[in-house]
Amino acid sequence: MNNHFKQKCGPLGNINKTGKPGEPSFLFPSTNLNFTLNVERGIRATVKAAVKCGFDTFSSCEGHVKGAQCWSSRCLCFIIEQAAFADWVLLIATMNRLYGINFYLSCPDERDSHMVFTRQYKQPLVINITIGSPNDHDIEYKTVLLTNIFKKLHKKRKNFEKKKSSTEYPVLP
């Protein structure tokens, strides 16, 4: 990894340009060999599952506490097609209802020219799923739940692609 783009891990676990709270990070495409080393440990499995499912992650945070005060929540930002937004609203609402927990979905106005895409989008939309405060008693449970959703989405997508390819290219006897 080029030292110019080397991130630092601070004493509170935040990974960014300086290792200090609130500092910006370099953006790496998920195809970069050191991508996962630049993702904070508490959110790493979720980010890896989202990337494996085909999502371009834009930002993530494991959540940080200083003293008794939470100054950043655990969250994951990724890019979807604008047309898929209603599906994500329904998914998050269903999870909140079924599991009695609160994920928060928002669309930050991120029109950053430095965003790193691994594919083309017709109408990209950045969505942020806030998992919760590091002080929440169920933060690890909620993180695993979201990670498992991405894993299930990946499995469904793989099965769909397998069916699609078998119908498009029939095997000849």
Protein backbone atom coordinates (compact mmCIF):
# COMPACT_ATOMS: atom_id res chain seq x y z
CA MET A 1 0.00 0.00 0.00
CA ASN A 2 1.31 3.41 -0.93
CA ASN A 3 2.32 5.30 2.25
CA HIS A 4 0.61 8.39 0.84
CA PHE A 5 -2.73 6.61 1.31
CA LYS A 6 -1.94 4.82 4.54
CA GLN A 7 -4.60 5.29 7.18
CA LYS A 8 -3.99 5.30 10.93
CA CYS A 9 -5.87 3.55 13.70
CA GLY A 10 -6.35 5.80 16.72
CA PRO A 11 -6.47 4.74 20.38
CA LEU A 12 -10.30 4.65 20.24
CA GLY A 13 -10.26 2.32 17.22
CA ASN A 14 -11.21 4.85 14.58
CA ILE A 15 -9.42 4.42 11.26
CA ASN A 16 -8.81 7.53 9.17
CA LYS A 17 -6.06 9.76 7.79
CA THR A 18 -4.71 10.79 11.22
CA GLY A 19 -6.25 8.32 13.67
CA LYS A 20 -7.91 11.24 15.49
CA PRO A 21 -11.68 11.37 16.11
CA GLY A 22 -13.73 13.12 13.44
CA GLU A 23 -11.00 13.22 10.80
CA PRO A 24 -11.74 12.27 7.17
CA SER A 25 -10.69 8.98 5.62
CA PHE A 26 -9.25 8.02 2.29
CA LEU A 27 -11.74 6.24 0.04
CA PHE A 28 -10.74 2.85 -1.29
CA PRO A 29 -12.62 0.73 -3.80
CA SER A 30 -13.60 -2.67 -2.45
CA THR A 31 -11.31 -4.20 -5.08
CA ASN A 32 -8.25 -2.71 -3.32
CA LEU A 33 -6.16 -5.45 -1.68
CA ASN A 34 -6.03 -3.48 1.59
CA PHE A 35 -9.72 -2.56 1.62
CA THR A 36 -10.71 -4.53 4.73
CA LEU A 37 -7.70 -3.22 6.67
CA ASN A 38 -9.23 0.24 6.30
CA VAL A 39 -12.56 -0.75 7.83
CA GLU A 40 -13.02 -0.54 11.60
CA ARG A 41 -13.17 -3.90 13.35
CA GLY A 42 -16.70 -3.53 14.82
CA ILE A 43 -18.32 -3.05 11.40
CA ARG A 44 -15.88 -5.05 9.24
CA ALA A 45 -17.97 -8.24 8.88
CA THR A 46 -21.03 -6.22 7.86
CA VAL A 47 -19.04 -4.23 5.28
CA LYS A 48 -17.50 -7.42 3.87
CA ALA A 49 -20.95 -9.02 3.56
CA ALA A 50 -22.34 -5.90 1.83
CA VAL A 51 -19.41 -5.83 -0.62
CA LYS A 52 -19.73 -9.57 -1.32
CA CYS A 53 -23.41 -8.93 -2.08
CA GLY A 54 -22.33 -6.40 -4.70
CA PHE A 55 -22.83 -3.09 -2.89
CA ASP A 56 -20.37 -0.23 -3.15
CA THR A 57 -19.86 0.90 0.43
CA PHE A 58 -19.23 4.60 0.77
CA SER A 59 -18.53 4.98 4.47
CA SER A 60 -18.79 3.01 7.69
CA CYS A 61 -18.15 3.46 11.39
CA GLU A 62 -18.05 0.98 14.25
CA GLY A 63 -19.29 3.69 16.63
CA HIS A 64 -17.18 5.39 19.25
CA VAL A 65 -17.58 6.36 22.87
CA LYS A 66 -15.44 8.84 24.74
CA GLY A 67 -16.00 8.58 28.47
CA ALA A 68 -19.73 8.06 28.92
CA GLN A 69 -20.62 10.03 25.80
CA CYS A 70 -21.31 8.47 22.40
CA TRP A 71 -19.95 10.72 19.67
CA SER A 72 -20.54 8.47 16.67
CA SER A 73 -22.99 5.65 15.98
CA ARG A 74 -22.32 2.37 14.25
CA CYS A 75 -23.41 2.80 10.66
CA LEU A 76 -22.90 1.77 7.07
CA CYS A 77 -23.38 3.90 3.96
CA PHE A 78 -23.65 2.27 0.59
CA ILE A 79 -24.89 3.05 -2.88
CA ILE A 80 -28.07 1.70 -4.44
CA GLU A 81 -30.09 2.50 -7.50
CA GLN A 82 -32.71 5.11 -6.64
CA ALA A 83 -35.40 2.72 -7.91
CA ALA A 84 -34.53 0.25 -5.11
CA PHE A 85 -35.05 2.76 -2.29
CA ALA A 86 -38.66 1.71 -1.55
CA ASP A 87 -37.51 -1.91 -1.17
CA TRP A 88 -34.92 -0.84 1.40
CA VAL A 89 -37.48 1.23 3.34
CA LEU A 90 -39.76 -1.83 3.46
CA LEU A 91 -36.90 -4.14 4.51
CA ILE A 92 -35.80 -1.85 7.35
CA ALA A 93 -39.40 -1.29 8.55
CA THR A 94 -40.03 -5.04 8.53
CA MET A 95 -36.84 -5.73 10.50
CA ASN A 96 -37.72 -3.06 13.04
CA ARG A 97 -41.19 -4.57 13.47
CA LEU A 98 -40.11 -8.24 13.56
CA TYR A 99 -37.12 -7.89 15.83
CA GLY A 100 -38.26 -4.97 17.98
CA ILE A 101 -35.11 -3.00 17.29
CA ASN A 102 -34.54 0.25 15.50
CA PHE A 103 -32.39 0.61 12.44
CA TYR A 104 -32.52 4.08 10.97
CA LEU A 105 -32.43 4.60 7.24
CA SER A 106 -31.51 7.96 5.75
CA CYS A 107 -30.32 9.39 2.47
CA PRO A 108 -27.51 11.80 3.14
CA ASP A 109 -26.97 14.30 0.35
CA GLU A 110 -23.62 12.81 -0.62
CA ARG A 111 -22.75 14.12 -4.06
CA ASP A 112 -19.05 13.59 -3.55
CA SER A 113 -17.02 13.42 -6.73
CA HIS A 114 -14.52 11.25 -4.84
CA MET A 115 -16.97 8.38 -4.31
CA VAL A 116 -15.50 5.13 -5.57
CA PHE A 117 -17.83 3.05 -7.72
CA THR A 118 -17.08 -0.48 -8.84
CA ARG A 119 -19.92 -0.44 -11.39
CA GLN A 120 -22.16 1.95 -13.32
CA TYR A 121 -25.34 3.37 -11.78
CA LYS A 122 -28.26 4.95 -13.62
CA GLN A 123 -29.34 7.02 -10.60
CA PRO A 124 -27.05 6.39 -7.63
CA LEU A 125 -28.43 7.03 -4.19
CA VAL A 126 -26.38 6.87 -1.00
CA ILE A 127 -28.24 5.33 1.91
CA ASN A 128 -27.10 5.20 5.50
CA ILE A 129 -28.23 2.49 7.89
CA THR A 130 -27.56 3.54 11.46
CA ILE A 131 -27.30 0.44 13.60
CA GLY A 132 -27.06 2.28 16.91
CA SER A 133 -24.86 3.67 19.64
CA PRO A 134 -21.92 1.62 20.91
CA ASN A 135 -23.58 1.98 24.33
CA ASP A 136 -26.71 0.08 23.19
CA HIS A 137 -26.98 -3.27 24.95
CA ASP A 138 -28.00 -4.97 21.68
CA ILE A 139 -25.48 -3.33 19.32
CA GLU A 140 -23.64 -6.59 18.55
CA TYR A 141 -26.91 -8.45 17.97
CA LYS A 142 -28.12 -5.75 15.57
CA THR A 143 -24.78 -5.77 13.74
CA VAL A 144 -24.91 -9.56 13.27
CA LEU A 145 -28.53 -9.30 12.12
CA LEU A 146 -27.67 -6.74 9.43
CA THR A 147 -24.63 -8.79 8.38
CA ASN A 148 -26.85 -11.87 8.00
CA ILE A 149 -29.31 -9.90 5.86
CA PHE A 150 -26.51 -9.03 3.44
CA LYS A 151 -25.43 -12.68 3.41
CA LYS A 152 -29.00 -13.79 2.59
CA LEU A 153 -29.25 -11.16 -0.15
CA HIS A 154 -25.98 -12.47 -1.59
CA LYS A 155 -27.27 -16.06 -1.56
CA LYS A 156 -30.56 -15.02 -3.24
CA ARG A 157 -28.68 -13.07 -5.89
CA LYS A 158 -26.38 -16.04 -6.60
CA ASN A 159 -29.39 -18.39 -6.95
CA PHE A 160 -31.15 -15.91 -9.23
CA GLU A 161 -28.07 -15.55 -11.42
CA LYS A 162 -27.66 -19.34 -11.58
CA LYS A 163 -31.32 -19.78 -12.67
CA LYS A 164 -31.04 -16.92 -15.14
CA SER A 165 -27.91 -18.34 -16.74
CA SER A 166 -29.37 -21.83 -17.00
CA THR A 167 -32.46 -20.51 -18.82
CA GLU A 168 -30.48 -18.23 -21.11
CA TYR A 169 -27.98 -20.90 -22.10
CA PRO A 170 -29.73 -24.27 -22.12
CA VAL A 171 -27.54 -27.30 -21.93
CA LEU A 172 -27.70 -29.32 -25.14
CA PRO A 173 -28.06 -33.12 -24.91
